[in-house]
Amino acid sequence: MIDLNSKQRKLLEKAAHPLSPLVIVGQEGATDGVSAMLSRQLESHELVKLKFNEYKEEKRELATGLAQATDSTLVRIIGNIAIFYRESSEDDKRMFKKQLDKLAKK
């Protein structure tokens, strides 16, 4: 998990805007299966939207727990959508590293 400043969060929010949610929290809640799916999607995409169809009142706690379980960063929760970021382990798949590093220095 990395700490993001406001400029870095804004960059990732903007990049996530056109994305569709790839992971959904349904009636079973934030299960190990949801955590595993989020982790797989983060490895493939780095930036992932998760939608809360259920447990909307607990979304902040659940999203924080999912971020810890997947070693990712919770970028923002907007409505019932949570945005997660985790840098890819493969150098050639890193889409945001240079931009985030540049904004970290400001």
N, C-alpha and C. Protein backbone atom coordinates (compact mmCIF):
# COMPACT_ATOMS: atom_id res chain seq x y z
N MET A 1 0.83 -1.17 0.00
CA MET A 1 0.00 0.00 0.00
C MET A 1 0.89 1.25 0.00
N ILE A 2 0.54 2.19 -0.84
CA ILE A 2 1.29 3.43 -0.88
C ILE A 2 0.39 4.59 -0.47
N ASP A 3 1.00 5.61 0.07
CA ASP A 3 0.25 6.82 0.40
C ASP A 3 0.24 7.73 -0.82
N LEU A 4 -0.94 8.17 -1.19
CA LEU A 4 -1.09 9.05 -2.34
C LEU A 4 -1.39 10.46 -1.88
N ASN A 5 -0.80 11.43 -2.56
CA ASN A 5 -1.18 12.81 -2.28
C ASN A 5 -2.40 13.16 -3.15
N SER A 6 -2.94 14.35 -2.98
CA SER A 6 -4.17 14.71 -3.68
C SER A 6 -4.00 14.74 -5.20
N LYS A 7 -2.83 15.16 -5.67
CA LYS A 7 -2.60 15.20 -7.12
C LYS A 7 -2.52 13.80 -7.70
N GLN A 8 -1.90 12.89 -6.98
CA GLN A 8 -1.83 11.51 -7.44
C GLN A 8 -3.22 10.87 -7.45
N ARG A 9 -4.01 11.13 -6.42
CA ARG A 9 -5.38 10.60 -6.38
C ARG A 9 -6.20 11.12 -7.56
N LYS A 10 -6.05 12.41 -7.84
CA LYS A 10 -6.79 13.03 -8.94
C LYS A 10 -6.42 12.38 -10.27
N LEU A 11 -5.13 12.11 -10.47
CA LEU A 11 -4.67 11.44 -11.70
C LEU A 11 -5.32 10.07 -11.84
N LEU A 12 -5.31 9.29 -10.76
CA LEU A 12 -5.89 7.95 -10.82
C LEU A 12 -7.40 7.98 -10.96
N GLU A 13 -8.06 8.93 -10.30
CA GLU A 13 -9.51 9.08 -10.46
C GLU A 13 -9.87 9.38 -11.91
N LYS A 14 -9.11 10.27 -12.51
CA LYS A 14 -9.36 10.64 -13.91
C LYS A 14 -9.16 9.44 -14.83
N ALA A 15 -8.12 8.67 -14.57
CA ALA A 15 -7.85 7.48 -15.39
C ALA A 15 -8.94 6.42 -15.19
N ALA A 16 -9.51 6.35 -13.99
CA ALA A 16 -10.53 5.34 -13.69
C ALA A 16 -11.92 5.73 -14.19
N HIS A 17 -12.11 7.00 -14.48
CA HIS A 17 -13.45 7.48 -14.85
C HIS A 17 -14.12 6.65 -15.96
N PRO A 18 -13.45 6.35 -17.07
CA PRO A 18 -14.14 5.60 -18.13
C PRO A 18 -14.23 4.09 -17.87
N LEU A 19 -13.60 3.60 -16.83
CA LEU A 19 -13.59 2.17 -16.56
C LEU A 19 -14.93 1.70 -16.00
N SER A 20 -15.26 0.48 -16.31
CA SER A 20 -16.43 -0.17 -15.72
C SER A 20 -15.97 -0.98 -14.51
N PRO A 21 -16.85 -1.17 -13.53
CA PRO A 21 -16.47 -2.00 -12.38
C PRO A 21 -16.20 -3.44 -12.82
N LEU A 22 -15.07 -3.97 -12.38
CA LEU A 22 -14.69 -5.34 -12.72
C LEU A 22 -15.00 -6.32 -11.60
N VAL A 23 -15.22 -5.80 -10.40
CA VAL A 23 -15.49 -6.63 -9.24
C VAL A 23 -16.74 -6.06 -8.56
N ILE A 24 -17.59 -6.95 -8.08
CA ILE A 24 -18.84 -6.53 -7.44
C ILE A 24 -18.98 -7.21 -6.09
N VAL A 25 -19.33 -6.42 -5.08
CA VAL A 25 -19.64 -6.95 -3.75
C VAL A 25 -21.15 -7.13 -3.71
N GLY A 26 -21.57 -8.40 -3.62
CA GLY A 26 -23.00 -8.70 -3.61
C GLY A 26 -23.48 -9.11 -2.24
N GLN A 27 -24.49 -9.97 -2.21
CA GLN A 27 -25.14 -10.34 -0.96
C GLN A 27 -24.25 -11.14 -0.02
N GLU A 28 -23.19 -11.75 -0.53
CA GLU A 28 -22.29 -12.52 0.32
C GLU A 28 -21.28 -11.63 1.02
N GLY A 29 -21.15 -10.38 0.58
CA GLY A 29 -20.22 -9.45 1.21
C GLY A 29 -18.82 -9.55 0.61
N ALA A 30 -17.86 -9.02 1.33
CA ALA A 30 -16.47 -9.00 0.88
C ALA A 30 -15.80 -10.31 1.28
N THR A 31 -16.09 -11.35 0.55
CA THR A 31 -15.57 -12.69 0.85
C THR A 31 -14.14 -12.84 0.35
N ASP A 32 -13.55 -13.99 0.66
CA ASP A 32 -12.20 -14.29 0.16
C ASP A 32 -12.21 -14.34 -1.37
N GLY A 33 -13.31 -14.77 -1.94
CA GLY A 33 -13.44 -14.82 -3.40
C GLY A 33 -13.40 -13.43 -4.01
N VAL A 34 -14.05 -12.48 -3.37
CA VAL A 34 -14.03 -11.09 -3.86
C VAL A 34 -12.61 -10.55 -3.75
N SER A 35 -11.95 -10.83 -2.64
CA SER A 35 -10.58 -10.38 -2.44
C SER A 35 -9.65 -10.98 -3.49
N ALA A 36 -9.81 -12.27 -3.76
CA ALA A 36 -8.97 -12.93 -4.77
C ALA A 36 -9.24 -12.36 -6.16
N MET A 37 -10.50 -12.11 -6.49
CA MET A 37 -10.85 -11.54 -7.78
C MET A 37 -10.26 -10.14 -7.92
N LEU A 38 -10.37 -9.34 -6.88
CA LEU A 38 -9.79 -7.99 -6.91
C LEU A 38 -8.29 -8.05 -7.10
N SER A 39 -7.64 -8.96 -6.42
CA SER A 39 -6.18 -9.11 -6.55
C SER A 39 -5.79 -9.50 -7.98
N ARG A 40 -6.53 -10.42 -8.57
CA ARG A 40 -6.25 -10.84 -9.97
C ARG A 40 -6.45 -9.67 -10.93
N GLN A 41 -7.53 -8.93 -10.74
CA GLN A 41 -7.81 -7.79 -11.62
C GLN A 41 -6.75 -6.69 -11.46
N LEU A 42 -6.31 -6.47 -10.24
CA LEU A 42 -5.25 -5.47 -10.01
C LEU A 42 -3.95 -5.88 -10.69
N GLU A 43 -3.65 -7.17 -10.67
CA GLU A 43 -2.43 -7.64 -11.33
C GLU A 43 -2.52 -7.42 -12.84
N SER A 44 -3.70 -7.57 -13.39
CA SER A 44 -3.88 -7.38 -14.83
C SER A 44 -4.00 -5.91 -15.23
N HIS A 45 -4.67 -5.11 -14.39
CA HIS A 45 -5.04 -3.76 -14.81
C HIS A 45 -4.44 -2.62 -14.00
N GLU A 46 -3.90 -2.88 -12.83
CA GLU A 46 -3.37 -1.88 -11.90
C GLU A 46 -4.44 -0.99 -11.28
N LEU A 47 -5.40 -0.56 -12.03
CA LEU A 47 -6.44 0.35 -11.56
C LEU A 47 -7.79 -0.34 -11.78
N VAL A 48 -8.55 -0.53 -10.70
CA VAL A 48 -9.77 -1.32 -10.77
C VAL A 48 -10.89 -0.63 -10.00
N LYS A 49 -12.08 -0.66 -10.58
CA LYS A 49 -13.28 -0.20 -9.89
C LYS A 49 -14.01 -1.40 -9.32
N LEU A 50 -14.51 -1.23 -8.11
CA LEU A 50 -15.31 -2.24 -7.44
C LEU A 50 -16.64 -1.61 -7.08
N LYS A 51 -17.73 -2.31 -7.36
CA LYS A 51 -19.06 -1.78 -7.11
C LYS A 51 -19.69 -2.50 -5.92
N PHE A 52 -20.30 -1.73 -5.05
CA PHE A 52 -21.04 -2.29 -3.92
C PHE A 52 -22.52 -2.34 -4.29
N ASN A 53 -23.01 -3.56 -4.60
CA ASN A 53 -24.44 -3.74 -4.82
C ASN A 53 -25.16 -3.93 -3.49
N GLU A 54 -24.47 -4.49 -2.53
CA GLU A 54 -24.98 -4.71 -1.17
C GLU A 54 -23.96 -4.13 -0.19
N TYR A 55 -24.31 -4.10 1.07
CA TYR A 55 -23.42 -3.62 2.13
C TYR A 55 -22.97 -2.18 1.89
N LYS A 56 -23.86 -1.37 1.37
CA LYS A 56 -23.52 0.01 1.02
C LYS A 56 -23.20 0.85 2.25
N GLU A 57 -23.79 0.52 3.39
CA GLU A 57 -23.52 1.29 4.61
C GLU A 57 -22.13 0.98 5.16
N GLU A 58 -21.62 -0.20 4.88
CA GLU A 58 -20.31 -0.61 5.39
C GLU A 58 -19.21 -0.50 4.34
N LYS A 59 -19.47 0.20 3.25
CA LYS A 59 -18.53 0.20 2.13
C LYS A 59 -17.15 0.74 2.50
N ARG A 60 -17.08 1.75 3.35
CA ARG A 60 -15.78 2.31 3.75
C ARG A 60 -14.93 1.26 4.46
N GLU A 61 -15.51 0.57 5.43
CA GLU A 61 -14.78 -0.45 6.19
C GLU A 61 -14.41 -1.63 5.30
N LEU A 62 -15.36 -2.07 4.47
CA LEU A 62 -15.10 -3.20 3.58
C LEU A 62 -14.01 -2.86 2.56
N ALA A 63 -14.07 -1.66 1.99
CA ALA A 63 -13.07 -1.26 1.00
C ALA A 63 -11.68 -1.16 1.63
N THR A 64 -11.61 -0.64 2.85
CA THR A 64 -10.33 -0.56 3.55
C THR A 64 -9.78 -1.96 3.81
N GLY A 65 -10.63 -2.87 4.23
CA GLY A 65 -10.22 -4.26 4.45
C GLY A 65 -9.76 -4.94 3.17
N LEU A 66 -10.47 -4.69 2.08
CA LEU A 66 -10.06 -5.27 0.79
C LEU A 66 -8.72 -4.71 0.33
N ALA A 67 -8.49 -3.43 0.56
CA ALA A 67 -7.21 -2.83 0.19
C ALA A 67 -6.07 -3.48 0.98
N GLN A 68 -6.29 -3.72 2.26
CA GLN A 68 -5.26 -4.37 3.07
C GLN A 68 -5.05 -5.81 2.62
N ALA A 69 -6.13 -6.52 2.34
CA ALA A 69 -6.04 -7.93 1.94
C ALA A 69 -5.35 -8.11 0.60
N THR A 70 -5.47 -7.12 -0.28
CA THR A 70 -4.88 -7.24 -1.61
C THR A 70 -3.60 -6.42 -1.76
N ASP A 71 -3.13 -5.83 -0.67
CA ASP A 71 -1.93 -4.98 -0.67
C ASP A 71 -2.04 -3.89 -1.74
N SER A 72 -3.21 -3.29 -1.79
CA SER A 72 -3.46 -2.23 -2.76
C SER A 72 -3.79 -0.94 -2.02
N THR A 73 -4.00 0.12 -2.78
CA THR A 73 -4.33 1.41 -2.22
C THR A 73 -5.75 1.77 -2.60
N LEU A 74 -6.54 2.14 -1.63
CA LEU A 74 -7.89 2.63 -1.89
C LEU A 74 -7.75 4.09 -2.32
N VAL A 75 -7.99 4.35 -3.59
CA VAL A 75 -7.83 5.69 -4.14
C VAL A 75 -8.97 6.59 -3.67
N ARG A 76 -10.19 6.13 -3.84
CA ARG A 76 -11.35 6.96 -3.49
C ARG A 76 -12.60 6.09 -3.54
N ILE A 77 -13.60 6.49 -2.78
CA ILE A 77 -14.94 5.91 -2.88
C ILE A 77 -15.85 7.02 -3.36
N ILE A 78 -16.51 6.79 -4.48
CA ILE A 78 -17.44 7.75 -5.06
C ILE A 78 -18.77 7.03 -5.20
N GLY A 79 -19.75 7.46 -4.44
CA GLY A 79 -21.03 6.77 -4.45
C GLY A 79 -20.86 5.36 -3.92
N ASN A 80 -21.23 4.38 -4.71
CA ASN A 80 -21.07 2.98 -4.32
C ASN A 80 -19.96 2.30 -5.11
N ILE A 81 -19.05 3.09 -5.62
CA ILE A 81 -17.91 2.59 -6.40
C ILE A 81 -16.62 2.93 -5.65
N ALA A 82 -15.77 1.92 -5.48
CA ALA A 82 -14.46 2.12 -4.87
C ALA A 82 -13.40 1.92 -5.95
N ILE A 83 -12.39 2.76 -5.93
CA ILE A 83 -11.29 2.68 -6.90
C ILE A 83 -10.05 2.21 -6.16
N PHE A 84 -9.43 1.15 -6.67
CA PHE A 84 -8.23 0.57 -6.07
C PHE A 84 -7.06 0.66 -7.06
N TYR A 85 -5.86 0.84 -6.50
CA TYR A 85 -4.65 0.89 -7.32
C TYR A 85 -3.58 0.01 -6.68
N ARG A 86 -2.91 -0.77 -7.51
CA ARG A 86 -1.72 -1.51 -7.07
C ARG A 86 -0.77 -1.59 -8.26
N GLU A 87 0.45 -1.15 -8.01
CA GLU A 87 1.46 -1.16 -9.06
C GLU A 87 1.72 -2.60 -9.51
N SER A 88 1.81 -2.79 -10.81
CA SER A 88 2.06 -4.12 -11.36
C SER A 88 3.45 -4.61 -10.96
N SER A 89 3.57 -5.90 -10.77
CA SER A 89 4.87 -6.48 -10.42
C SER A 89 5.78 -6.58 -11.65
N GLU A 90 5.20 -6.44 -12.84
CA GLU A 90 5.98 -6.51 -14.08
C GLU A 90 6.22 -5.10 -14.62
N ASP A 91 7.48 -4.77 -14.85
CA ASP A 91 7.85 -3.41 -15.30
C ASP A 91 7.11 -2.97 -16.56
N ASP A 92 6.95 -3.86 -17.53
CA ASP A 92 6.34 -3.48 -18.80
C ASP A 92 4.83 -3.24 -18.69
N LYS A 93 4.22 -3.63 -17.58
CA LYS A 93 2.78 -3.42 -17.39
C LYS A 93 2.46 -2.20 -16.53
N ARG A 94 3.48 -1.51 -16.05
CA ARG A 94 3.26 -0.35 -15.18
C ARG A 94 2.84 0.85 -16.02
N MET A 95 1.59 1.26 -15.86
CA MET A 95 1.04 2.35 -16.67
C MET A 95 1.13 3.70 -15.97
N PHE A 96 1.16 3.72 -14.65
CA PHE A 96 1.04 4.97 -13.92
C PHE A 96 2.28 5.36 -13.11
N LYS A 97 3.26 4.49 -13.01
CA LYS A 97 4.39 4.72 -12.12
C LYS A 97 5.12 6.04 -12.39
N LYS A 98 5.46 6.31 -13.63
CA LYS A 98 6.20 7.53 -13.95
C LYS A 98 5.38 8.78 -13.61
N GLN A 99 4.12 8.75 -13.94
CA GLN A 99 3.26 9.91 -13.67
C GLN A 99 3.09 10.13 -12.17
N LEU A 100 2.90 9.03 -11.42
CA LEU A 100 2.73 9.14 -9.97
C LEU A 100 4.01 9.61 -9.30
N ASP A 101 5.16 9.09 -9.77
CA ASP A 101 6.44 9.53 -9.21
C ASP A 101 6.69 11.00 -9.47
N LYS A 102 6.33 11.44 -10.65
CA LYS A 102 6.49 12.85 -11.00
C LYS A 102 5.65 13.75 -10.09
N LEU A 103 4.40 13.33 -9.83
CA LEU A 103 3.51 14.11 -8.99
C LEU A 103 3.89 14.02 -7.50
N ALA A 104 4.59 12.95 -7.12
CA ALA A 104 5.00 12.81 -5.72
C ALA A 104 6.06 13.83 -5.35
N LYS A 105 6.82 14.28 -6.31
CA LYS A 105 7.91 15.21 -6.05
C LYS A 105 7.43 16.65 -5.94
N LYS A 106 6.20 16.92 -6.34
CA LYS A 106 5.68 18.30 -6.32
C LYS A 106 5.13 18.64 -4.97
